[in-house]
Protein backbone atom coordinates (compact mmCIF):
# COMPACT_ATOMS: atom_id res chain seq x y z
CA MET A 1 0.00 0.00 0.00
CA LYS A 2 1.42 3.35 -1.05
CA LEU A 3 1.36 6.09 1.57
CA SER A 4 0.78 9.76 0.83
CA CYS A 5 3.22 12.45 1.94
CA LYS A 6 0.73 13.46 4.64
CA GLN A 7 0.70 9.91 6.01
CA ILE A 8 4.49 9.71 5.84
CA VAL A 9 4.94 12.98 7.76
CA ARG A 10 2.56 11.79 10.50
CA ARG A 11 4.69 8.66 10.98
CA LEU A 12 8.08 10.39 10.98
CA PRO A 13 8.54 10.36 14.78
CA GLU A 14 7.95 6.58 14.84
CA TYR A 15 10.27 6.18 11.85
CA ILE A 16 13.04 8.21 13.47
CA GLU A 17 12.71 6.52 16.86
CA GLY A 18 12.62 3.01 15.38
CA GLY A 19 8.99 2.30 16.26
CA LEU A 20 8.00 0.78 12.92
CA ASP A 21 8.18 -2.83 11.82
CA ALA A 22 10.73 -3.73 9.13
CA GLN A 23 8.30 -3.44 6.21
CA GLN A 24 6.97 -0.05 7.33
CA PHE A 25 10.52 1.19 7.92
CA ARG A 26 11.61 0.14 4.40
CA GLN A 27 8.53 1.78 2.88
CA LEU A 28 9.07 5.08 4.70
CA SER A 29 12.82 5.02 4.03
CA ALA A 30 12.27 4.57 0.31
CA HIS A 31 9.73 7.40 0.21
CA VAL A 32 11.88 9.80 2.26
CA ARG A 33 14.88 9.13 -0.04
CA LYS A 34 12.84 9.76 -3.21
CA CYS A 35 10.58 12.62 -2.11
CA ARG A 36 12.46 15.87 -1.58
CA HIS A 37 9.66 17.41 0.51
CA CYS A 38 9.45 14.48 2.91
CA GLY A 39 13.25 14.29 3.09
CA VAL A 40 13.46 17.91 4.22
CA VAL A 41 10.65 17.44 6.74
CA SER A 42 12.31 14.25 8.02
CA ASP A 43 15.62 16.07 8.55
CA SER A 44 13.84 18.90 10.36
CA VAL A 45 11.92 16.54 12.63
CA ARG A 46 15.10 14.54 13.33
CA HIS A 47 17.03 17.70 14.28
CA THR A 48 14.17 19.02 16.42
CA MET A 49 13.82 15.73 18.26
CA ALA A 50 17.58 15.61 18.88
CA MET A 51 17.56 19.17 20.19
CA TYR A 52 14.78 18.43 22.68
CA ALA A 53 16.43 15.16 23.69
CA ASP A 54 19.56 17.12 24.61
CA ARG A 55 17.99 19.51 27.09
CA LYS A 56 21.29 21.36 27.49
CA LEU A 57 20.62 23.03 24.16
CA LEU A 58 17.42 24.53 25.54
CA GLU A 59 19.04 26.20 28.53
CA MET A 60 19.86 29.88 28.07
CA GLU A 61 22.84 31.60 29.55
CA PRO A 62 21.99 33.65 32.64
CA GLY A 63 21.13 37.22 31.68
CA LEU A 64 20.59 36.40 28.00
CA THR A 65 16.91 37.32 28.08
CA GLN A 66 17.76 40.69 29.59
CA SER A 67 20.26 41.44 26.81
CA VAL A 68 17.85 40.79 23.93
CA PRO A 69 16.33 44.08 22.78
CA VAL A 70 12.57 44.46 22.75
CA VAL A 71 11.15 45.25 19.32
CA PRO A 72 8.11 47.54 19.50
CA HIS A 73 4.91 46.46 17.81
CA ILE A 74 4.93 47.82 14.28
CA GLY A 75 1.17 47.81 13.81
CA PRO A 76 -1.22 46.73 11.06
CA GLN A 77 -0.12 49.48 8.67
CA PHE A 78 3.27 47.77 8.16
CA GLY A 79 3.28 46.20 4.72
CA SER A 80 -0.21 47.46 3.88
CA HIS A 81 1.14 49.08 0.70
CA ILE A 82 2.23 45.72 -0.74
CA GLY A 83 0.05 44.53 -3.55
CA LYS A 84 -1.45 47.93 -4.30
């Protein structure tokens, strides 16, 4: 049974974590190798999962939030001239 890209993307976490049986794994692997869109999404999901698995990457240096400048709200008029 051929899976759609939407079905493949929904199963990526299982695919990446090794939660599929051998046949499902081969099917998803073949699709991800051939389909550029699903390959990019797979790489993104893999990197995101790795980042959250390594919680050290999520910790900010002390004082970092105080050093980031606040950007004022620009308002709805920003970009309103585009397309006119």
